[in-house]
Amino acid sequence: MSDHPHDKITVTTRCLDCGEQLGQAEFNRADLEAQQMSELPNREAMSLITANVAAPINAALALNVLSDGSIAAATASQTAPITQQA
């Protein structure tokens, strides 16, 4: 890029199948050169990792310490259906 005399760079994206223009952006060359860039690996080398974690927690607490002969009770009921699709 340093051998090119112009200061503005335009990037245009197009659909490979039909040629329709999808977007266009203009950048200052100095701004781009100031950025740290690295080449991405091939698509085959990248992996997509999906981590779906669900942890239903069913908790109840009852405490009765200041009254003699009293009863404390706690209940908790929960339904947590989890549906996953790849």
PDB file of N, CA and C in Angstrom:
ATOM      1  N   MET A   1       0.806  -1.189   0.000  1.00  0.00           N
ATOM      2  CA  MET A   1       0.000   0.000   0.000  1.00  0.00           C
ATOM      3  C   MET A   1       0.853   1.259   0.000  1.00  0.00           C
ATOM      4  N   SER A   2       2.034   1.222   0.509  1.00  0.00           N
ATOM      5  CA  SER A   2       2.850   2.426   0.651  1.00  0.00           C
ATOM      6  C   SER A   2       3.310   2.999  -0.688  1.00  0.00           C
ATOM      7  N   ASP A   3       3.282   2.234  -1.765  1.00  0.00           N
ATOM      8  CA  ASP A   3       3.712   2.734  -3.072  1.00  0.00           C
ATOM      9  C   ASP A   3       2.600   3.482  -3.801  1.00  0.00           C
ATOM     10  N   HIS A   4       1.384   3.408  -3.312  1.00  0.00           N
ATOM     11  CA  HIS A   4       0.252   4.043  -3.985  1.00  0.00           C
ATOM     12  C   HIS A   4       0.135   5.498  -3.529  1.00  0.00           C
ATOM     13  N   PRO A   5      -0.046   6.461  -4.462  1.00  0.00           N
ATOM     14  CA  PRO A   5       0.009   7.881  -4.101  1.00  0.00           C
ATOM     15  C   PRO A   5      -1.261   8.457  -3.478  1.00  0.00           C
ATOM     16  N   HIS A   6      -2.398   7.790  -3.537  1.00  0.00           N
ATOM     17  CA  HIS A   6      -3.653   8.375  -3.066  1.00  0.00           C
ATOM     18  C   HIS A   6      -3.888   8.095  -1.587  1.00  0.00           C
ATOM     19  N   ASP A   7      -4.649   8.983  -0.936  1.00  0.00           N
ATOM     20  CA  ASP A   7      -4.873   8.894   0.506  1.00  0.00           C
ATOM     21  C   ASP A   7      -6.175   8.205   0.894  1.00  0.00           C
ATOM     22  N   LYS A   8      -7.112   8.056  -0.016  1.00  0.00           N
ATOM     23  CA  LYS A   8      -8.411   7.445   0.283  1.00  0.00           C
ATOM     24  C   LYS A   8      -8.491   6.058  -0.343  1.00  0.00           C
ATOM     25  N   ILE A   9      -9.138   5.138   0.399  1.00  0.00           N
ATOM     26  CA  ILE A   9      -9.326   3.759  -0.081  1.00  0.00           C
ATOM     27  C   ILE A   9     -10.814   3.444   0.028  1.00  0.00           C
ATOM     28  N   THR A  10     -11.383   2.893  -1.037  1.00  0.00           N
ATOM     29  CA  THR A  10     -12.776   2.488  -1.021  1.00  0.00           C
ATOM     30  C   THR A  10     -12.846   0.974  -1.100  1.00  0.00           C
ATOM     31  N   VAL A  11     -13.634   0.381  -0.200  1.00  0.00           N
ATOM     32  CA  VAL A  11     -13.825  -1.066  -0.190  1.00  0.00           C
ATOM     33  C   VAL A  11     -15.283  -1.326  -0.567  1.00  0.00           C
ATOM     34  N   THR A  12     -15.472  -2.129  -1.617  1.00  0.00           N
ATOM     35  CA  THR A  12     -16.813  -2.469  -2.080  1.00  0.00           C
ATOM     36  C   THR A  12     -16.999  -3.968  -1.951  1.00  0.00           C
ATOM     37  N   THR A  13     -18.142  -4.400  -1.382  1.00  0.00           N
ATOM     38  CA  THR A  13     -18.442  -5.825  -1.297  1.00  0.00           C
ATOM     39  C   THR A  13     -19.587  -6.140  -2.254  1.00  0.00           C
ATOM     40  N   ARG A  14     -19.424  -7.275  -2.949  1.00  0.00           N
ATOM     41  CA  ARG A  14     -20.417  -7.711  -3.924  1.00  0.00           C
ATOM     42  C   ARG A  14     -20.727  -9.189  -3.723  1.00  0.00           C
ATOM     43  N   CYS A  15     -21.933  -9.569  -4.091  1.00  0.00           N
ATOM     44  CA  CYS A  15     -22.339 -10.969  -4.071  1.00  0.00           C
ATOM     45  C   CYS A  15     -21.630 -11.690  -5.217  1.00  0.00           C
ATOM     46  N   LEU A  16     -20.978 -12.803  -4.911  1.00  0.00           N
ATOM     47  CA  LEU A  16     -20.274 -13.553  -5.957  1.00  0.00           C
ATOM     48  C   LEU A  16     -21.234 -14.197  -6.951  1.00  0.00           C
ATOM     49  N   ASP A  17     -22.434 -14.527  -6.517  1.00  0.00           N
ATOM     50  CA  ASP A  17     -23.382 -15.208  -7.405  1.00  0.00           C
ATOM     51  C   ASP A  17     -24.049 -14.265  -8.395  1.00  0.00           C
ATOM     52  N   CYS A  18     -24.556 -13.109  -7.922  1.00  0.00           N
ATOM     53  CA  CYS A  18     -25.316 -12.232  -8.819  1.00  0.00           C
ATOM     54  C   CYS A  18     -24.622 -10.914  -9.120  1.00  0.00           C
ATOM     55  N   GLY A  19     -23.567 -10.578  -8.386  1.00  0.00           N
ATOM     56  CA  GLY A  19     -22.847  -9.338  -8.627  1.00  0.00           C
ATOM     57  C   GLY A  19     -23.449  -8.114  -7.955  1.00  0.00           C
ATOM     58  N   GLU A  20     -24.550  -8.275  -7.202  1.00  0.00           N
ATOM     59  CA  GLU A  20     -25.184  -7.141  -6.529  1.00  0.00           C
ATOM     60  C   GLU A  20     -24.238  -6.550  -5.497  1.00  0.00           C
ATOM     61  N   GLN A  21     -24.156  -5.213  -5.475  1.00  0.00           N
ATOM     62  CA  GLN A  21     -23.314  -4.536  -4.499  1.00  0.00           C
ATOM     63  C   GLN A  21     -23.988  -4.600  -3.137  1.00  0.00           C
ATOM     64  N   LEU A  22     -23.273  -5.102  -2.134  1.00  0.00           N
ATOM     65  CA  LEU A  22     -23.809  -5.267  -0.795  1.00  0.00           C
ATOM     66  C   LEU A  22     -23.430  -4.118   0.130  1.00  0.00           C
ATOM     67  N   GLY A  23     -22.312  -3.482  -0.133  1.00  0.00           N
ATOM     68  CA  GLY A  23     -21.882  -2.393   0.732  1.00  0.00           C
ATOM     69  C   GLY A  23     -20.656  -1.703   0.176  1.00  0.00           C
ATOM     70  N   GLN A  24     -20.400  -0.502   0.696  1.00  0.00           N
ATOM     71  CA  GLN A  24     -19.223   0.250   0.271  1.00  0.00           C
ATOM     72  C   GLN A  24     -18.787   1.128   1.431  1.00  0.00           C
ATOM     73  N   ALA A  25     -17.490   1.199   1.691  1.00  0.00           N
ATOM     74  CA  ALA A  25     -16.953   2.018   2.771  1.00  0.00           C
ATOM     75  C   ALA A  25     -15.686   2.708   2.293  1.00  0.00           C
ATOM     76  N   GLU A  26     -15.476   3.915   2.788  1.00  0.00           N
ATOM     77  CA  GLU A  26     -14.295   4.685   2.416  1.00  0.00           C
ATOM     78  C   GLU A  26     -13.429   4.888   3.650  1.00  0.00           C
ATOM     79  N   PHE A  27     -12.120   4.717   3.490  1.00  0.00           N
ATOM     80  CA  PHE A  27     -11.184   4.822   4.609  1.00  0.00           C
ATOM     81  C   PHE A  27     -10.029   5.738   4.244  1.00  0.00           C
ATOM     82  N   ASN A  28      -9.463   6.396   5.260  1.00  0.00           N
ATOM     83  CA  ASN A  28      -8.206   7.125   5.077  1.00  0.00           C
ATOM     84  C   ASN A  28      -7.070   6.115   5.147  1.00  0.00           C
ATOM     85  N   ARG A  29      -6.158   6.223   4.247  1.00  0.00           N
ATOM     86  CA  ARG A  29      -5.040   5.282   4.201  1.00  0.00           C
ATOM     87  C   ARG A  29      -4.210   5.340   5.486  1.00  0.00           C
ATOM     88  N   ALA A  30      -3.997   6.535   6.019  1.00  0.00           N
ATOM     89  CA  ALA A  30      -3.205   6.684   7.251  1.00  0.00           C
ATOM     90  C   ALA A  30      -3.887   5.972   8.426  1.00  0.00           C
ATOM     91  N   ASP A  31      -5.226   6.019   8.487  1.00  0.00           N
ATOM     92  CA  ASP A  31      -5.948   5.333   9.558  1.00  0.00           C
ATOM     93  C   ASP A  31      -5.777   3.823   9.458  1.00  0.00           C
ATOM     94  N   LEU A  32      -5.821   3.299   8.237  1.00  0.00           N
ATOM     95  CA  LEU A  32      -5.646   1.862   8.049  1.00  0.00           C
ATOM     96  C   LEU A  32      -4.231   1.413   8.381  1.00  0.00           C
ATOM     97  N   GLU A  33      -3.252   2.204   7.983  1.00  0.00           N
ATOM     98  CA  GLU A  33      -1.863   1.830   8.244  1.00  0.00           C
ATOM     99  C   GLU A  33      -1.541   1.885   9.736  1.00  0.00           C
ATOM    100  N   ALA A  34      -2.284   2.684  10.509  1.00  0.00           N
ATOM    101  CA  ALA A  34      -2.050   2.780  11.945  1.00  0.00           C
ATOM    102  C   ALA A  34      -2.636   1.585  12.697  1.00  0.00           C
ATOM    103  N   GLN A  35      -3.543   0.847  12.077  1.00  0.00           N
ATOM    104  CA  GLN A  35      -4.179  -0.305  12.714  1.00  0.00           C
ATOM    105  C   GLN A  35      -3.266  -1.517  12.666  1.00  0.00           C
ATOM    106  N   GLN A  36      -3.380  -2.372  13.674  1.00  0.00           N
ATOM    107  CA  GLN A  36      -2.652  -3.634  13.655  1.00  0.00           C
ATOM    108  C   GLN A  36      -3.531  -4.658  12.954  1.00  0.00           C
ATOM    109  N   MET A  37      -3.005  -5.305  11.945  1.00  0.00           N
ATOM    110  CA  MET A  37      -3.775  -6.277  11.185  1.00  0.00           C
ATOM    111  C   MET A  37      -3.026  -7.593  11.123  1.00  0.00           C
ATOM    112  N   SER A  38      -3.794  -8.667  11.026  1.00  0.00           N
ATOM    113  CA  SER A  38      -3.206  -9.977  10.802  1.00  0.00           C
ATOM    114  C   SER A  38      -4.142 -10.761   9.896  1.00  0.00           C
ATOM    115  N   GLU A  39      -3.579 -11.643   9.140  1.00  0.00           N
ATOM    116  CA  GLU A  39      -4.359 -12.435   8.191  1.00  0.00           C
ATOM    117  C   GLU A  39      -5.107 -13.538   8.933  1.00  0.00           C
ATOM    118  N   LEU A  40      -6.363 -13.715   8.589  1.00  0.00           N
ATOM    119  CA  LEU A  40      -7.160 -14.778   9.191  1.00  0.00           C
ATOM    120  C   LEU A  40      -6.801 -16.122   8.565  1.00  0.00           C
ATOM    121  N   PRO A  41      -6.930 -17.203   9.319  1.00  0.00           N
ATOM    122  CA  PRO A  41      -6.688 -18.525   8.719  1.00  0.00           C
ATOM    123  C   PRO A  41      -7.802 -18.881   7.744  1.00  0.00           C
ATOM    124  N   ASN A  42      -7.561 -19.898   6.921  1.00  0.00           N
ATOM    125  CA  ASN A  42      -8.587 -20.366   5.994  1.00  0.00           C
ATOM    126  C   ASN A  42      -9.817 -20.793   6.765  1.00  0.00           C
ATOM    127  N   ARG A  43     -10.953 -20.725   6.109  1.00  0.00           N
ATOM    128  CA  ARG A  43     -12.217 -21.089   6.752  1.00  0.00           C
ATOM    129  C   ARG A  43     -12.176 -22.520   7.269  1.00  0.00           C
ATOM    130  N   GLU A  44     -11.521 -23.411   6.556  1.00  0.00           N
ATOM    131  CA  GLU A  44     -11.448 -24.810   6.972  1.00  0.00           C
ATOM    132  C   GLU A  44     -10.665 -24.961   8.279  1.00  0.00           C
ATOM    133  N   ALA A  45      -9.733 -24.051   8.520  1.00  0.00           N
ATOM    134  CA  ALA A  45      -8.902 -24.144   9.715  1.00  0.00           C
ATOM    135  C   ALA A  45      -9.605 -23.584  10.950  1.00  0.00           C
ATOM    136  N   MET A  46     -10.628 -22.754  10.734  1.00  0.00           N
ATOM    137  CA  MET A  46     -11.355 -22.186  11.873  1.00  0.00           C
ATOM    138  C   MET A  46     -12.481 -23.132  12.273  1.00  0.00           C
ATOM    139  N   SER A  47     -12.740 -23.222  13.557  1.00  0.00           N
ATOM    140  CA  SER A  47     -13.822 -24.083  14.019  1.00  0.00           C
ATOM    141  C   SER A  47     -14.856 -23.230  14.735  1.00  0.00           C
ATOM    142  N   LEU A  48     -16.093 -23.640  14.647  1.00  0.00           N
ATOM    143  CA  LEU A  48     -17.174 -22.960  15.332  1.00  0.00           C
ATOM    144  C   LEU A  48     -17.527 -23.774  16.565  1.00  0.00           C
ATOM    145  N   ILE A  49     -17.366 -23.170  17.709  1.00  0.00           N
ATOM    146  CA  ILE A  49     -17.645 -23.865  18.963  1.00  0.00           C
ATOM    147  C   ILE A  49     -18.880 -23.228  19.585  1.00  0.00           C
ATOM    148  N   THR A  50     -19.872 -24.046  19.838  1.00  0.00           N
ATOM    149  CA  THR A  50     -21.082 -23.576  20.505  1.00  0.00           C
ATOM    150  C   THR A  50     -21.172 -24.251  21.859  1.00  0.00           C
ATOM    151  N   ALA A  51     -21.225 -23.448  22.891  1.00  0.00           N
ATOM    152  CA  ALA A  51     -21.320 -23.997  24.239  1.00  0.00           C
ATOM    153  C   ALA A  51     -22.639 -23.549  24.849  1.00  0.00           C
ATOM    154  N   ASN A  52     -23.561 -24.477  24.947  1.00  0.00           N
ATOM    155  CA  ASN A  52     -24.839 -24.193  25.594  1.00  0.00           C
ATOM    156  C   ASN A  52     -24.808 -24.818  26.979  1.00  0.00           C
ATOM    157  N   VAL A  53     -24.880 -23.985  27.993  1.00  0.00           N
ATOM    158  CA  VAL A  53     -24.811 -24.474  29.355  1.00  0.00           C
ATOM    159  C   VAL A  53     -26.070 -24.019  30.083  1.00  0.00           C
ATOM    160  N   ALA A  54     -26.721 -24.952  30.718  1.00  0.00           N
ATOM    161  CA  ALA A  54     -27.894 -24.622  31.521  1.00  0.00           C
ATOM    162  C   ALA A  54     -27.759 -25.320  32.858  1.00  0.00           C
ATOM    163  N   ALA A  55     -27.937 -24.574  33.923  1.00  0.00           N
ATOM    164  CA  ALA A  55     -27.812 -25.145  35.257  1.00  0.00           C
ATOM    165  C   ALA A  55     -28.988 -24.682  36.108  1.00  0.00           C
ATOM    166  N   PRO A  56     -30.107 -25.394  36.029  1.00  0.00           N
ATOM    167  CA  PRO A  56     -31.227 -25.017  36.885  1.00  0.00           C
ATOM    168  C   PRO A  56     -30.884 -25.260  38.350  1.00  0.00           C
ATOM    169  N   ILE A  57     -31.193 -24.303  39.187  1.00  0.00           N
ATOM    170  CA  ILE A  57     -30.878 -24.404  40.606  1.00  0.00           C
ATOM    171  C   ILE A  57     -32.191 -24.393  41.384  1.00  0.00           C
ATOM    172  N   ASN A  58     -32.347 -25.374  42.219  1.00  0.00           N
ATOM    173  CA  ASN A  58     -33.548 -25.502  43.023  1.00  0.00           C
ATOM    174  C   ASN A  58     -33.131 -25.362  44.486  1.00  0.00           C
ATOM    175  N   ALA A  59     -33.414 -24.192  45.094  1.00  0.00           N
ATOM    176  CA  ALA A  59     -32.949 -23.961  46.457  1.00  0.00           C
ATOM    177  C   ALA A  59     -34.052 -23.336  47.301  1.00  0.00           C
ATOM    178  N   ALA A  60     -34.125 -23.752  48.523  1.00  0.00           N
ATOM    179  CA  ALA A  60     -35.054 -23.163  49.500  1.00  0.00           C
ATOM    180  C   ALA A  60     -34.381 -23.208  50.860  1.00  0.00           C
ATOM    181  N   LEU A  61     -34.649 -22.206  51.684  1.00  0.00           N
ATOM    182  CA  LEU A  61     -33.997 -22.120  52.968  1.00  0.00           C
ATOM    183  C   LEU A  61     -35.007 -21.633  54.010  1.00  0.00           C
ATOM    184  N   ALA A  62     -35.035 -22.289  55.148  1.00  0.00           N
ATOM    185  CA  ALA A  62     -35.891 -21.859  56.251  1.00  0.00           C
ATOM    186  C   ALA A  62     -35.050 -21.843  57.519  1.00  0.00           C
ATOM    187  N   LEU A  63     -35.221 -20.811  58.302  1.00  0.00           N
ATOM    188  CA  LEU A  63     -34.412 -20.672  59.509  1.00  0.00           C
ATOM    189  C   LEU A  63     -35.293 -20.113  60.628  1.00  0.00           C
ATOM    190  N   ASN A  64     -35.306 -20.800  61.719  1.00  0.00           N
ATOM    191  CA  ASN A  64     -36.071 -20.337  62.864  1.00  0.00           C
ATOM    192  C   ASN A  64     -35.243 -20.631  64.102  1.00  0.00           C
ATOM    193  N   VAL A  65     -34.513 -19.646  64.596  1.00  0.00           N
ATOM    194  CA  VAL A  65     -33.599 -19.881  65.712  1.00  0.00           C
ATOM    195  C   VAL A  65     -33.984 -19.147  66.992  1.00  0.00           C
ATOM    196  N   LEU A  66     -34.892 -18.169  66.938  1.00  0.00           N
ATOM    197  CA  LEU A  66     -35.197 -17.365  68.118  1.00  0.00           C
ATOM    198  C   LEU A  66     -36.493 -17.763  68.829  1.00  0.00           C
ATOM    199  N   SER A  67     -37.244 -18.725  68.306  1.00  0.00           N
ATOM    200  CA  SER A  67     -38.509 -19.124  68.936  1.00  0.00           C
ATOM    201  C   SER A  67     -38.430 -20.579  69.346  1.00  0.00           C
ATOM    202  N   ASP A  68     -38.588 -20.843  70.645  1.00  0.00           N
ATOM    203  CA  ASP A  68     -38.548 -22.218  71.141  1.00  0.00           C
ATOM    204  C   ASP A  68     -39.792 -22.978  70.695  1.00  0.00           C
ATOM    205  N   GLY A  69     -39.617 -24.204  70.217  1.00  0.00           N
ATOM    206  CA  GLY A  69     -40.714 -25.076  69.860  1.00  0.00           C
ATOM    207  C   GLY A  69     -41.423 -24.719  68.560  1.00  0.00           C
ATOM    208  N   SER A  70     -40.916 -23.774  67.784  1.00  0.00           N
ATOM    209  CA  SER A  70     -41.575 -23.427  66.527  1.00  0.00           C
ATOM    210  C   SER A  70     -41.020 -24.276  65.394  1.00  0.00           C
ATOM    211  N   ILE A  71     -41.729 -24.295  64.317  1.00  0.00           N
ATOM    212  CA  ILE A  71     -41.348 -25.106  63.147  1.00  0.00           C
ATOM    213  C   ILE A  71     -41.113 -24.170  61.967  1.00  0.00           C
ATOM    214  N   ALA A  72     -40.038 -24.401  61.242  1.00  0.00           N
ATOM    215  CA  ALA A  72     -39.743 -23.644  60.023  1.00  0.00           C
ATOM    216  C   ALA A  72     -39.679 -24.625  58.874  1.00  0.00           C
ATOM    217  N   ALA A  73     -40.283 -24.262  57.764  1.00  0.00           N
ATOM    218  CA  ALA A  73     -40.286 -25.141  56.591  1.00  0.00           C
ATOM    219  C   ALA A  73     -40.058 -24.305  55.338  1.00  0.00           C
ATOM    220  N   ALA A  74     -39.426 -24.889  54.357  1.00  0.00           N
ATOM    221  CA  ALA A  74     -39.201 -24.213  53.083  1.00  0.00           C
ATOM    222  C   ALA A  74     -39.341 -25.229  51.963  1.00  0.00           C
ATOM    223  N   THR A  75     -40.002 -24.828  50.909  1.00  0.00           N
ATOM    224  CA  THR A  75     -40.124 -25.690  49.737  1.00  0.00           C
ATOM    225  C   THR A  75     -39.815 -24.882  48.496  1.00  0.00           C
ATOM    226  N   ALA A  76     -39.304 -25.543  47.513  1.00  0.00           N
ATOM    227  CA  ALA A  76     -39.049 -24.899  46.219  1.00  0.00           C
ATOM    228  C   ALA A  76     -39.265 -25.941  45.142  1.00  0.00           C
ATOM    229  N   SER A  77     -40.095 -25.616  44.192  1.00  0.00           N
ATOM    230  CA  SER A  77     -40.288 -26.525  43.066  1.00  0.00           C
ATOM    231  C   SER A  77     -39.970 -25.771  41.783  1.00  0.00           C
ATOM    232  N   GLN A  78     -39.398 -26.466  40.845  1.00  0.00           N
ATOM    233  CA  GLN A  78     -38.931 -25.809  39.630  1.00  0.00           C
ATOM    234  C   GLN A  78     -39.068 -26.758  38.460  1.00  0.00           C
ATOM    235  N   THR A  79     -39.443 -26.202  37.326  1.00  0.00           N
ATOM    236  CA  THR A  79     -39.447 -26.954  36.074  1.00  0.00           C
ATOM    237  C   THR A  79     -38.583 -26.175  35.093  1.00  0.00           C
ATOM    238  N   ALA A  80     -37.581 -26.800  34.546  1.00  0.00           N
ATOM    239  CA  ALA A  80     -36.682 -26.124  33.621  1.00  0.00           C
ATOM    240  C   ALA A  80     -36.427 -27.003  32.405  1.00  0.00           C
ATOM    241  N   PRO A  81     -37.375 -27.054  31.453  1.00  0.00           N
ATOM    242  CA  PRO A  81     -37.116 -27.838  30.247  1.00  0.00           C
ATOM    243  C   PRO A  81     -36.045 -27.140  29.385  1.00  0.00           C
ATOM    244  N   ILE A  82     -35.146 -27.925  28.875  1.00  0.00           N
ATOM    245  CA  ILE A  82     -34.053 -27.405  28.052  1.00  0.00           C
ATOM    246  C   ILE A  82     -34.118 -28.089  26.692  1.00  0.00           C
ATOM    247  N   THR A  83     -34.262 -27.293  25.644  1.00  0.00           N
ATOM    248  CA  THR A  83     -34.299 -27.811  24.290  1.00  0.00           C
ATOM    249  C   THR A  83     -33.088 -27.309  23.539  1.00  0.00           C
ATOM    250  N   GLN A  84     -32.360 -28.212  22.905  1.00  0.00           N
ATOM    251  CA  GLN A  84     -31.161 -27.833  22.154  1.00  0.00           C
ATOM    252  C   GLN A  84     -31.259 -28.381  20.751  1.00  0.00           C
ATOM    253  N   GLN A  85     -30.788 -27.596  19.817  1.00  0.00           N
ATOM    254  CA  GLN A  85     -30.675 -28.048  18.430  1.00  0.00           C
ATOM    255  C   GLN A  85     -29.308 -27.673  17.918  1.00  0.00           C
ATOM    256  N   ALA A  86     -28.730 -28.521  17.119  1.00  0.00           N
ATOM    257  CA  ALA A  86     -27.392 -28.242  16.594  1.00  0.00           C
ATOM    258  C   ALA A  86     -27.497 -27.425  15.346  1.00  0.00           C
TER     259      ALA A  86
END
